């Protein structure tokens, strides 16, 4: 799986990368504008990202604006849902307005920092990016 992480805080970006590296190849962008450009370039090369993690508050272009740009590109290309990236927002902000805006722009999930490994993996499993573990299968 190809993963794009957009995070302006170096420590948060490193942590997220460390958590996600066992599941795919990670690329890191330092702001929303760079993330959108990296996303577009990957599509041009027909090597798209399966997962995009966007920090909400970033310089140049915030995460919600980057989310909107990515979803607009997918719509312009008339990509079927199966070819669209799963987009997860990550932020220290817990306010309802921020969460509502992100979901309105069609994010697939939302994680509050500091990101906990178990919550991240549960979300990725829910988004069908990771297989169900044996424990999860037994509890069904």
C-alpha atoms as a PDB file:
ATOM      1  CA  UNK A   1       0.000   0.000   0.000  1.00  0.00           C
ATOM      2  CA  UNK A   2       1.257   3.505  -0.824  1.00  0.00           C
ATOM      3  CA  UNK A   3       0.690   6.011   1.968  1.00  0.00           C
ATOM      4  CA  UNK A   4       0.950   9.804   1.896  1.00  0.00           C
ATOM      5  CA  UNK A   5       1.371  11.603   5.216  1.00  0.00           C
ATOM      6  CA  UNK A   6       0.903  15.385   5.274  1.00  0.00           C
ATOM      7  CA  UNK A   7       2.198  16.766   8.553  1.00  0.00           C
ATOM      8  CA  UNK A   8       4.046  20.001   9.299  1.00  0.00           C
ATOM      9  CA  UNK A   9       5.197  18.891  12.765  1.00  0.00           C
ATOM     10  CA  UNK A  10       8.306  16.747  12.284  1.00  0.00           C
ATOM     11  CA  UNK A  11       7.787  14.663  15.450  1.00  0.00           C
ATOM     12  CA  UNK A  12       4.146  13.889  14.586  1.00  0.00           C
ATOM     13  CA  UNK A  13       5.113  13.002  11.022  1.00  0.00           C
ATOM     14  CA  UNK A  14       7.841  10.639  12.225  1.00  0.00           C
ATOM     15  CA  UNK A  15       5.477   8.950  14.677  1.00  0.00           C
ATOM     16  CA  UNK A  16       2.792   8.426  12.059  1.00  0.00           C
ATOM     17  CA  UNK A  17       5.369   7.136   9.593  1.00  0.00           C
ATOM     18  CA  UNK A  18       6.715   4.691  12.168  1.00  0.00           C
ATOM     19  CA  UNK A  19       3.186   3.435  12.878  1.00  0.00           C
ATOM     20  CA  UNK A  20       2.339   3.029   9.178  1.00  0.00           C
ATOM     21  CA  UNK A  21       5.592   1.720   7.685  1.00  0.00           C
ATOM     22  CA  UNK A  22       4.798  -1.932   8.498  1.00  0.00           C
ATOM     23  CA  UNK A  23       1.757  -1.640   6.211  1.00  0.00           C
ATOM     24  CA  UNK A  24       3.150   0.178   3.196  1.00  0.00           C
ATOM     25  CA  UNK A  25       5.554   2.614   1.623  1.00  0.00           C
ATOM     26  CA  UNK A  26       5.238   6.039   3.264  1.00  0.00           C
ATOM     27  CA  UNK A  27       5.813   9.432   1.677  1.00  0.00           C
ATOM     28  CA  UNK A  28       5.764  12.604   3.769  1.00  0.00           C
ATOM     29  CA  UNK A  29       4.678  16.092   2.724  1.00  0.00           C
ATOM     30  CA  UNK A  30       5.281  19.081   4.994  1.00  0.00           C
ATOM     31  CA  UNK A  31       2.115  21.004   4.104  1.00  0.00           C
ATOM     32  CA  UNK A  32      -1.211  20.664   2.339  1.00  0.00           C
ATOM     33  CA  UNK A  33      -0.052  22.189  -0.939  1.00  0.00           C
ATOM     34  CA  UNK A  34       2.843  19.733  -1.172  1.00  0.00           C
ATOM     35  CA  UNK A  35       0.475  16.875  -0.319  1.00  0.00           C
ATOM     36  CA  UNK A  36      -1.920  17.777  -3.144  1.00  0.00           C
ATOM     37  CA  UNK A  37       0.961  18.095  -5.625  1.00  0.00           C
ATOM     38  CA  UNK A  38       2.387  14.722  -4.519  1.00  0.00           C
ATOM     39  CA  UNK A  39      -1.058  13.131  -4.778  1.00  0.00           C
ATOM     40  CA  UNK A  40      -1.553  14.520  -8.298  1.00  0.00           C
ATOM     41  CA  UNK A  41       1.877  13.389  -9.460  1.00  0.00           C
ATOM     42  CA  UNK A  42       1.208   9.854  -8.193  1.00  0.00           C
ATOM     43  CA  UNK A  43      -2.039   9.738 -10.213  1.00  0.00           C
ATOM     44  CA  UNK A  44      -0.276  11.038 -13.310  1.00  0.00           C
ATOM     45  CA  UNK A  45       2.211   8.175 -12.959  1.00  0.00           C
ATOM     46  CA  UNK A  46      -0.693   5.736 -12.437  1.00  0.00           C
ATOM     47  CA  UNK A  47       0.712   4.834  -9.024  1.00  0.00           C
ATOM     48  CA  UNK A  48      -1.869   6.371  -6.661  1.00  0.00           C
ATOM     49  CA  UNK A  49      -1.900   6.433  -2.887  1.00  0.00           C
ATOM     50  CA  UNK A  50      -4.303   4.080  -1.132  1.00  0.00           C
ATOM     51  CA  UNK A  51      -4.164   6.105   2.084  1.00  0.00           C
ATOM     52  CA  UNK A  52      -3.690   9.821   2.665  1.00  0.00           C
ATOM     53  CA  UNK A  53      -3.275  11.135   6.223  1.00  0.00           C
ATOM     54  CA  UNK A  54      -3.787  14.888   6.501  1.00  0.00           C
ATOM     55  CA  UNK A  55      -3.052  17.073   9.490  1.00  0.00           C
ATOM     56  CA  UNK A  56      -5.836  19.637   9.759  1.00  0.00           C
ATOM     57  CA  UNK A  57      -3.660  22.643  10.616  1.00  0.00           C
ATOM     58  CA  UNK A  58      -0.766  23.107   8.170  1.00  0.00           C
ATOM     59  CA  UNK A  59       0.887  26.058   6.460  1.00  0.00           C
ATOM     60  CA  UNK A  60       0.339  26.966   2.785  1.00  0.00           C
ATOM     61  CA  UNK A  61      -2.867  24.907   2.603  1.00  0.00           C
ATOM     62  CA  UNK A  62      -4.667  23.389   5.569  1.00  0.00           C
ATOM     63  CA  UNK A  63      -5.753  19.765   5.651  1.00  0.00           C
ATOM     64  CA  UNK A  64      -9.423  20.430   4.907  1.00  0.00           C
ATOM     65  CA  UNK A  65      -8.501  22.472   1.816  1.00  0.00           C
ATOM     66  CA  UNK A  66      -6.117  19.690   0.715  1.00  0.00           C
ATOM     67  CA  UNK A  67      -8.892  17.136   1.270  1.00  0.00           C
ATOM     68  CA  UNK A  68     -11.255  19.229  -0.866  1.00  0.00           C
ATOM     69  CA  UNK A  69      -8.640  19.532  -3.653  1.00  0.00           C
ATOM     70  CA  UNK A  70      -7.977  15.782  -3.671  1.00  0.00           C
ATOM     71  CA  UNK A  71     -11.686  14.906  -3.738  1.00  0.00           C
ATOM     72  CA  UNK A  72     -12.252  17.448  -6.538  1.00  0.00           C
ATOM     73  CA  UNK A  73      -9.449  15.819  -8.556  1.00  0.00           C
ATOM     74  CA  UNK A  74     -10.989  12.389  -8.040  1.00  0.00           C
ATOM     75  CA  UNK A  75     -14.357  13.710  -9.163  1.00  0.00           C
ATOM     76  CA  UNK A  76     -12.837  15.465 -12.206  1.00  0.00           C
ATOM     77  CA  UNK A  77     -11.162  12.182 -13.197  1.00  0.00           C
ATOM     78  CA  UNK A  78     -14.464  10.347 -12.618  1.00  0.00           C
ATOM     79  CA  UNK A  79     -12.700   7.783 -10.472  1.00  0.00           C
ATOM     80  CA  UNK A  80     -14.893   5.001  -9.131  1.00  0.00           C
ATOM     81  CA  UNK A  81     -14.968   4.795  -5.317  1.00  0.00           C
ATOM     82  CA  UNK A  82     -12.665   1.762  -5.418  1.00  0.00           C
ATOM     83  CA  UNK A  83      -9.902   3.907  -6.985  1.00  0.00           C
ATOM     84  CA  UNK A  84     -10.275   6.881  -4.624  1.00  0.00           C
ATOM     85  CA  UNK A  85      -7.855   7.303  -1.755  1.00  0.00           C
ATOM     86  CA  UNK A  86      -8.979   6.673   1.792  1.00  0.00           C
ATOM     87  CA  UNK A  87      -8.363   9.981   3.546  1.00  0.00           C
ATOM     88  CA  UNK A  88      -7.880  10.219   7.294  1.00  0.00           C
ATOM     89  CA  UNK A  89      -7.690  13.548   9.075  1.00  0.00           C
ATOM     90  CA  UNK A  90      -5.372  13.852  12.074  1.00  0.00           C
ATOM     91  CA  UNK A  91      -5.364  16.765  14.468  1.00  0.00           C
ATOM     92  CA  UNK A  92      -5.101  17.861  18.057  1.00  0.00           C
ATOM     93  CA  UNK A  93      -8.328  19.821  17.576  1.00  0.00           C
ATOM     94  CA  UNK A  94     -11.389  18.129  19.034  1.00  0.00           C
ATOM     95  CA  UNK A  95     -14.015  20.726  18.199  1.00  0.00           C
ATOM     96  CA  UNK A  96     -17.180  19.590  16.470  1.00  0.00           C
ATOM     97  CA  UNK A  97     -16.955  22.207  13.687  1.00  0.00           C
ATOM     98  CA  UNK A  98     -13.579  20.904  12.500  1.00  0.00           C
ATOM     99  CA  UNK A  99     -14.800  17.303  12.485  1.00  0.00           C
ATOM    100  CA  UNK A 100     -18.009  18.287  10.674  1.00  0.00           C
ATOM    101  CA  UNK A 101     -16.090  20.245   8.003  1.00  0.00           C
ATOM    102  CA  UNK A 102     -13.758  17.305   7.381  1.00  0.00           C
ATOM    103  CA  UNK A 103     -16.626  14.841   6.978  1.00  0.00           C
ATOM    104  CA  UNK A 104     -18.528  17.311   4.804  1.00  0.00           C
ATOM    105  CA  UNK A 105     -15.509  17.299   2.467  1.00  0.00           C
ATOM    106  CA  UNK A 106     -15.698  13.483   2.395  1.00  0.00           C
ATOM    107  CA  UNK A 107     -12.879  12.342   4.636  1.00  0.00           C
ATOM    108  CA  UNK A 108     -13.045   8.658   5.511  1.00  0.00           C
ATOM    109  CA  UNK A 109     -11.935   8.946   9.115  1.00  0.00           C
ATOM    110  CA  UNK A 110     -10.690  11.238  11.844  1.00  0.00           C
ATOM    111  CA  UNK A 111      -8.025  10.670  14.504  1.00  0.00           C
ATOM    112  CA  UNK A 112      -7.216  12.929  17.437  1.00  0.00           C
ATOM    113  CA  UNK A 113      -3.560  13.441  18.365  1.00  0.00           C
ATOM    114  CA  UNK A 114      -1.624  12.003  19.966  1.00  0.00           C
ATOM    115  CA  UNK A 115      -2.445   9.149  17.628  1.00  0.00           C
ATOM    116  CA  UNK A 116      -2.738   5.817  19.352  1.00  0.00           C
ATOM    117  CA  UNK A 117      -1.592   2.752  17.429  1.00  0.00           C
ATOM    118  CA  UNK A 118      -4.669   0.669  18.312  1.00  0.00           C
ATOM    119  CA  UNK A 119      -7.103   3.384  17.171  1.00  0.00           C
ATOM    120  CA  UNK A 120      -5.162   3.899  13.944  1.00  0.00           C
ATOM    121  CA  UNK A 121      -5.117   0.185  13.123  1.00  0.00           C
ATOM    122  CA  UNK A 122      -8.808  -0.179  13.987  1.00  0.00           C
ATOM    123  CA  UNK A 123      -9.653   2.658  11.596  1.00  0.00           C
ATOM    124  CA  UNK A 124      -7.495   1.197   8.812  1.00  0.00           C
ATOM    125  CA  UNK A 125      -9.192  -2.162   9.291  1.00  0.00           C
ATOM    126  CA  UNK A 126     -12.618  -0.477   9.203  1.00  0.00           C
ATOM    127  CA  UNK A 127     -11.598   1.200   5.928  1.00  0.00           C
ATOM    128  CA  UNK A 128     -10.614  -2.215   4.496  1.00  0.00           C
ATOM    129  CA  UNK A 129      -6.972  -1.213   4.204  1.00  0.00           C
ATOM    130  CA  UNK A 130      -5.860  -3.918   6.644  1.00  0.00           C
ATOM    131  CA  UNK A 131      -7.225  -7.442   7.010  1.00  0.00           C
ATOM    132  CA  UNK A 132      -9.217  -8.372  10.092  1.00  0.00           C
ATOM    133  CA  UNK A 133      -7.061  -9.879  12.818  1.00  0.00           C
ATOM    134  CA  UNK A 134      -7.898 -13.280  14.270  1.00  0.00           C
ATOM    135  CA  UNK A 135      -9.152 -11.578  17.457  1.00  0.00           C
ATOM    136  CA  UNK A 136     -11.513  -9.393  15.435  1.00  0.00           C
ATOM    137  CA  UNK A 137     -12.763 -12.378  13.441  1.00  0.00           C
ATOM    138  CA  UNK A 138     -13.426 -14.358  16.650  1.00  0.00           C
ATOM    139  CA  UNK A 139     -15.459 -11.489  18.136  1.00  0.00           C
ATOM    140  CA  UNK A 140     -17.822 -11.344  15.140  1.00  0.00           C
END
